[in-house]
């Protein structure tokens, strides 16, 4: 019996690996396996005891109608609590995904940046739906490709999964104008999660992110890069192609590695500092990273919003 349970946990643990999950044929199963693998691993990890269950009650406050007091809870605790209704408890979450050509890149990563973002978004959405939160989706490149406003039904979430499954990177990036559009669609404060390589004008992107944050939304940025983009781990003689313009440039990577590394470090530092100064959660993730790192970042944010 012990062996069987251990084997089951190991099986699910594999589904935190981006390459393994990319080979699961059903898109809905991908989302479910990511979350189940994550939850099974929680009790064996440093995050033991971290709960995704959120109370459906809050302490009684002066002015609350007495009819909302939960007298059963009072009988057990000798304290006054009121029931929270759907409008109070459900968080509206917006998954905003960069679908530009640069997201199709893969060199040393196990999957493309786009594949990683899509699978991560699907897993997060599955987790949200099972917490009774409402999930919406925005897909963009240099134009708005799709927008689904947040809803909390399982049937509607299948529409979100279908839209994710159909994503094919194309076009250039226009993070700033796209996020500006989505900020206008958010009618009620919620949680906005952005998935992008942020290979765009950093200043303009930060302006749009701050606009969303200044509207009292909580914001998480998952900055997704291929490992080679972080460490310039290319071969000796390489031809670099801009995936959005088609321009080519031949180079010997060792000659430019130091300059590139400094530029990337400055670029990441600028984005991270801009986000943190604005109260935006920033997470740099490469496409070889297991999904649990991102899921923990989300759960920690979600627990603070309760």
Protein backbone atom coordinates (compact mmCIF):
# COMPACT_ATOMS: atom_id res chain seq x y z
CA UNK A 1 0.00 0.00 0.00
CA UNK A 2 2.83 2.36 0.92
CA UNK A 3 4.55 1.71 -2.40
CA UNK A 4 1.38 2.38 -4.34
CA UNK A 5 0.81 5.72 -2.62
CA UNK A 6 4.43 6.74 -3.18
CA UNK A 7 4.21 5.82 -6.84
CA UNK A 8 1.03 7.87 -7.22
CA UNK A 9 2.63 10.94 -5.65
CA UNK A 10 5.69 10.61 -7.87
CA UNK A 11 3.48 10.34 -10.94
CA UNK A 12 1.70 13.56 -10.11
CA UNK A 13 4.96 15.26 -9.18
CA UNK A 14 6.15 14.75 -12.75
CA UNK A 15 3.33 16.98 -13.94
CA UNK A 16 5.13 20.01 -12.55
CA UNK A 17 7.68 19.45 -15.34
CA UNK A 18 6.80 21.62 -18.39
CA UNK A 19 8.05 19.00 -20.88
CA UNK A 20 6.03 16.17 -19.32
CA UNK A 21 2.81 18.18 -19.13
CA UNK A 22 3.19 19.32 -22.75
CA UNK A 23 2.82 15.68 -23.84
CA UNK A 24 -0.57 15.19 -22.17
CA UNK A 25 -3.12 15.16 -25.00
CA UNK A 26 -6.14 16.62 -23.18
CA UNK A 27 -5.78 20.31 -22.41
CA UNK A 28 -8.17 20.07 -19.46
CA UNK A 29 -6.13 17.20 -18.03
CA UNK A 30 -2.97 19.28 -18.35
CA UNK A 31 -4.50 21.94 -16.12
CA UNK A 32 -5.80 19.38 -13.63
CA UNK A 33 -2.56 17.41 -13.43
CA UNK A 34 -0.48 20.57 -12.84
CA UNK A 35 -2.66 21.49 -9.86
CA UNK A 36 -2.97 17.96 -8.46
CA UNK A 37 0.76 17.37 -8.78
CA UNK A 38 1.36 20.65 -7.00
CA UNK A 39 -1.08 19.95 -4.16
CA UNK A 40 0.24 16.42 -3.63
CA UNK A 41 3.73 17.86 -3.30
CA UNK A 42 2.79 20.58 -0.83
CA UNK A 43 2.78 18.35 2.24
CA UNK A 44 6.30 17.10 1.37
CA UNK A 45 7.69 20.60 0.77
CA UNK A 46 8.74 23.64 2.82
CA UNK A 47 5.21 24.93 2.16
CA UNK A 48 3.68 22.19 4.32
CA UNK A 49 0.44 23.40 5.84
CA UNK A 50 -0.09 26.15 3.28
CA UNK A 51 -3.83 26.10 2.70
CA UNK A 52 -5.83 27.02 -0.37
CA UNK A 53 -9.09 26.82 1.55
CA UNK A 54 -10.58 30.21 2.27
CA UNK A 55 -13.14 30.86 4.97
CA UNK A 56 -16.68 31.63 3.89
CA UNK A 57 -17.19 33.76 7.02
CA UNK A 58 -15.81 36.99 8.37
CA UNK A 59 -16.06 38.57 11.83
CA UNK A 60 -19.23 40.54 12.57
CA UNK A 61 -18.77 44.28 12.19
CA UNK A 62 -20.99 47.05 13.54
CA UNK A 63 -23.74 47.74 11.04
CA UNK A 64 -23.94 44.20 9.62
CA UNK A 65 -27.56 42.91 9.49
CA UNK A 66 -28.25 40.45 12.31
CA UNK A 67 -29.93 38.14 9.79
CA UNK A 68 -26.48 37.49 8.29
CA UNK A 69 -25.01 36.20 11.56
CA UNK A 70 -24.22 32.47 11.38
CA UNK A 71 -25.65 31.24 14.69
CA UNK A 72 -24.27 27.72 14.21
CA UNK A 73 -20.75 29.13 14.13
CA UNK A 74 -21.60 31.29 17.17
CA UNK A 75 -22.74 28.17 19.05
CA UNK A 76 -19.38 26.48 18.37
CA UNK A 77 -17.05 29.43 18.88
CA UNK A 78 -18.97 31.90 21.07
CA UNK A 79 -18.03 34.53 18.51
CA UNK A 80 -20.15 36.41 15.99
CA UNK A 81 -19.44 35.71 12.33
CA UNK A 82 -21.44 36.67 9.27
CA UNK A 83 -21.76 34.68 6.07
CA UNK A 84 -20.03 36.13 3.06
CA UNK A 85 -22.04 36.07 -0.12
CA UNK A 86 -20.72 35.34 -3.61
CA UNK A 87 -20.20 39.00 -4.44
CA UNK A 88 -18.00 39.35 -1.36
CA UNK A 89 -16.00 36.14 -1.62
CA UNK A 90 -15.40 35.65 -5.33
CA UNK A 91 -12.28 37.25 -6.67
CA UNK A 92 -12.29 38.30 -10.30
CA UNK A 93 -9.07 37.20 -11.97
CA UNK A 94 -7.79 38.24 -15.38
CA UNK A 95 -5.18 36.10 -17.19
CA UNK A 96 -3.47 38.33 -19.79
CA UNK A 97 -1.14 36.47 -22.17
CA UNK A 98 1.37 37.80 -24.70
CA UNK A 99 0.87 35.90 -27.97
CA UNK A 100 3.47 37.72 -30.10
CA UNK A 101 6.02 35.88 -32.24
CA UNK A 102 8.84 36.30 -29.74
CA UNK A 103 6.93 33.98 -27.38
CA UNK A 104 7.45 31.10 -29.86
CA UNK A 105 11.19 31.03 -29.06
CA UNK A 106 12.90 27.93 -27.67
CA UNK A 107 16.62 27.22 -27.54
CA UNK A 108 17.77 25.53 -24.34
CA UNK A 109 14.33 25.48 -22.74
CA UNK A 110 12.21 22.36 -22.68
CA UNK A 111 9.20 24.11 -24.23
CA UNK A 112 8.60 27.45 -25.96
CA UNK A 113 7.82 30.51 -23.89
CA UNK A 114 4.29 30.45 -25.31
CA UNK A 115 3.72 26.80 -24.38
CA UNK A 116 4.97 27.47 -20.86
CA UNK A 117 2.74 30.54 -20.43
CA UNK A 118 -0.32 28.70 -21.76
CA UNK A 119 0.15 25.68 -19.48
CA UNK A 120 0.82 27.89 -16.46
CA UNK A 121 -2.28 29.99 -17.19
CA UNK A 122 -4.40 26.83 -17.58
CA UNK A 123 -3.16 25.46 -14.25
CA UNK A 124 -3.76 28.74 -12.44
CA UNK A 125 -7.22 29.03 -13.98
CA UNK A 126 -8.10 25.51 -12.84
CA UNK A 127 -6.97 26.36 -9.31
CA UNK A 128 -9.02 29.58 -9.33
CA UNK A 129 -12.20 27.91 -10.57
CA UNK A 130 -11.90 25.31 -7.81
CA UNK A 131 -11.60 28.14 -5.28
CA UNK A 132 -14.89 29.53 -6.70
CA UNK A 133 -13.11 32.55 -8.15
CA UNK A 134 -14.09 34.04 -11.50
CA UNK A 135 -11.58 33.61 -14.34
CA UNK A 136 -11.23 35.80 -17.42
CA UNK A 137 -8.75 35.73 -20.30
CA UNK A 138 -7.05 38.30 -22.50
CA UNK A 139 -4.79 37.35 -25.43
CA UNK A 140 -2.75 40.01 -27.20
CA UNK A 141 0.14 40.68 -29.60
CA UNK A 142 0.18 44.01 -31.44
CA UNK A 143 -3.62 43.78 -31.30
CA UNK A 144 -6.25 42.35 -28.99
CA UNK A 145 -6.86 38.78 -30.15
CA UNK A 146 -9.32 37.59 -27.52
CA UNK A 147 -11.07 38.84 -24.42
CA UNK A 148 -13.30 36.73 -22.16
CA UNK A 149 -14.66 38.55 -19.12
CA UNK A 150 -14.33 36.71 -15.77
CA UNK A 151 -16.95 34.14 -14.77
CA UNK A 152 -16.85 31.43 -12.13
CA UNK A 153 -18.60 28.52 -13.88
CA UNK A 154 -16.84 25.31 -14.90
CA UNK A 155 -18.54 25.33 -18.29
CA UNK A 156 -17.26 28.82 -18.98
CA UNK A 157 -13.77 27.81 -17.92
CA UNK A 158 -13.79 25.27 -20.75
CA UNK A 159 -14.14 28.23 -23.13
CA UNK A 160 -11.05 29.73 -21.52
CA UNK A 161 -9.16 26.45 -21.99
CA UNK A 162 -10.28 26.24 -25.63
CA UNK A 163 -9.03 29.76 -26.31
CA UNK A 164 -5.68 28.89 -24.69
CA UNK A 165 -5.41 25.68 -26.71
CA UNK A 166 -5.97 27.58 -29.96
CA UNK A 167 -3.23 30.14 -29.32
CA UNK A 168 -0.57 30.36 -32.03
CA UNK A 169 2.04 33.13 -31.60
CA UNK A 170 2.01 35.73 -34.37
CA UNK A 171 2.67 39.42 -34.91
CA UNK A 172 4.74 41.90 -32.97
CA UNK A 173 4.43 42.88 -29.32
CA UNK A 174 2.47 45.86 -28.08
CA UNK A 175 2.27 45.23 -24.37
CA UNK A 176 1.62 48.84 -23.45
CA UNK A 177 -1.40 49.51 -25.67
CA UNK A 178 -2.82 46.02 -25.07
CA UNK A 179 -2.67 46.35 -21.29
CA UNK A 180 -4.20 49.80 -21.69
CA UNK A 181 -7.17 48.21 -23.47
CA UNK A 182 -7.60 45.51 -20.84
CA UNK A 183 -7.46 48.07 -18.02
CA UNK A 184 -10.54 49.71 -19.55
CA UNK A 185 -12.41 46.37 -19.48
CA UNK A 186 -11.86 45.80 -15.77
CA UNK A 187 -15.02 47.19 -14.23
CA UNK A 188 -14.54 45.71 -10.76
CA UNK A 189 -11.27 45.48 -8.91
CA UNK A 190 -9.60 42.10 -9.13
CA UNK A 191 -6.37 40.20 -9.64
CA UNK A 192 -4.57 40.75 -12.96
CA UNK A 193 -1.90 38.24 -13.97
CA UNK A 194 0.34 39.05 -16.95
CA UNK A 195 2.34 36.35 -18.78
CA UNK A 196 4.96 37.81 -21.14
CA UNK A 197 8.63 37.89 -22.11
CA UNK A 198 8.27 41.71 -21.93
CA UNK A 199 10.47 42.15 -25.01
CA UNK A 200 8.98 45.55 -25.64
CA UNK A 201 9.53 49.14 -24.59
CA UNK A 202 10.12 48.71 -20.86
CA UNK A 203 9.09 52.23 -19.84
CA UNK A 204 5.78 52.08 -21.72
CA UNK A 205 5.02 48.58 -20.43
CA UNK A 206 5.60 49.74 -16.85
CA UNK A 207 3.31 52.74 -17.38
CA UNK A 208 0.47 50.42 -18.43
CA UNK A 209 1.11 47.97 -15.59
CA UNK A 210 1.07 50.85 -13.10
CA UNK A 211 -2.20 52.11 -14.59
CA UNK A 212 -3.82 48.76 -13.81
CA UNK A 213 -2.31 48.77 -10.32
CA UNK A 214 -3.39 52.37 -9.65
CA UNK A 215 -6.99 51.33 -10.34
CA UNK A 216 -6.73 49.33 -7.07
CA UNK A 217 -6.21 45.98 -8.83
CA UNK A 218 -3.68 43.50 -7.52
CA UNK A 219 -1.14 42.61 -10.21
CA UNK A 220 1.22 39.67 -10.70
CA UNK A 221 3.75 39.61 -13.56
CA UNK A 222 5.22 36.31 -14.73
CA UNK A 223 8.23 37.36 -16.78
CA UNK A 224 8.90 34.28 -18.92
CA UNK A 225 12.24 33.77 -20.67
CA UNK A 226 14.12 30.88 -22.27
CA UNK A 227 17.21 29.95 -20.19
CA UNK A 228 19.44 30.95 -23.13
CA UNK A 229 17.97 34.45 -23.10
CA UNK A 230 19.11 34.86 -19.50
CA UNK A 231 22.62 33.38 -19.80
CA UNK A 232 23.31 33.74 -23.55
CA UNK A 233 23.98 30.02 -23.80
CA UNK A 234 24.24 29.87 -27.59
CA UNK A 235 26.74 27.97 -29.74
CA UNK A 236 30.00 29.48 -31.01
CA UNK A 237 28.85 30.73 -34.39
CA UNK A 238 25.19 31.68 -34.50
CA UNK A 239 22.73 33.53 -36.69
CA UNK A 240 20.20 35.45 -34.64
CA UNK A 241 16.77 36.04 -36.14
CA UNK A 242 14.30 38.60 -34.84
CA UNK A 243 11.10 36.54 -34.63
CA UNK A 244 8.93 39.63 -35.02
CA UNK A 245 10.72 41.45 -37.86
CA UNK A 246 12.61 38.62 -39.59
CA UNK A 247 15.92 40.53 -39.42
CA UNK A 248 19.05 38.36 -39.21
CA UNK A 249 22.46 38.96 -37.66
CA UNK A 250 25.50 36.65 -37.63
CA UNK A 251 27.63 36.68 -34.52
CA UNK A 252 30.16 34.77 -32.43
CA UNK A 253 28.39 34.68 -29.06
CA UNK A 254 31.53 34.60 -26.92
CA UNK A 255 32.45 38.05 -28.24
CA UNK A 256 29.23 39.64 -27.09
CA UNK A 257 28.36 37.50 -24.04
CA UNK A 258 29.66 39.98 -21.45
CA UNK A 259 27.94 42.98 -23.04
CA UNK A 260 24.74 40.98 -23.51
CA UNK A 261 24.78 39.75 -19.90
CA UNK A 262 25.11 43.30 -18.60
CA UNK A 263 22.28 44.49 -20.86
CA UNK A 264 19.98 41.64 -19.76
CA UNK A 265 20.80 42.23 -16.10
CA UNK A 266 19.96 45.94 -16.46
CA UNK A 267 16.77 45.15 -18.40
CA UNK A 268 15.53 42.68 -15.77
CA UNK A 269 16.51 45.00 -12.91
CA UNK A 270 14.59 47.89 -14.51
CA UNK A 271 11.41 45.82 -14.90
CA UNK A 272 11.68 44.30 -11.42
CA UNK A 273 12.32 47.63 -9.71
CA UNK A 274 9.49 49.33 -11.64
CA UNK A 275 7.07 46.58 -10.60
CA UNK A 276 8.11 46.47 -6.97
CA UNK A 277 7.99 50.27 -6.64
CA UNK A 278 4.39 50.15 -7.87
CA UNK A 279 3.36 47.31 -5.54
CA UNK A 280 3.27 44.76 -8.36
CA UNK A 281 4.42 41.19 -7.70
CA UNK A 282 7.24 40.37 -10.12
CA UNK A 283 8.32 36.78 -10.88
CA UNK A 284 11.14 35.98 -13.31
CA UNK A 285 10.69 32.42 -14.56
CA UNK A 286 12.50 30.50 -17.27
CA UNK A 287 10.85 27.75 -19.28
CA UNK A 288 12.76 24.95 -17.54
CA UNK A 289 11.30 25.90 -14.13
CA UNK A 290 8.73 23.49 -12.61
CA UNK A 291 5.28 25.03 -12.27
CA UNK A 292 5.18 24.92 -8.46
CA UNK A 293 7.27 28.09 -8.12
CA UNK A 294 4.62 30.11 -9.98
CA UNK A 295 1.70 28.43 -8.22
CA UNK A 296 3.21 29.23 -4.81
CA UNK A 297 3.65 32.87 -5.86
CA UNK A 298 -0.04 33.00 -6.81
CA UNK A 299 -1.27 31.31 -3.62
CA UNK A 300 0.77 33.61 -1.43
CA UNK A 301 -0.76 36.61 -3.19
CA UNK A 302 -4.26 35.10 -3.01
CA UNK A 303 -3.97 34.44 0.72
CA UNK A 304 -3.09 38.09 1.32
CA UNK A 305 -6.19 39.22 -0.56
CA UNK A 306 -8.59 37.27 1.66
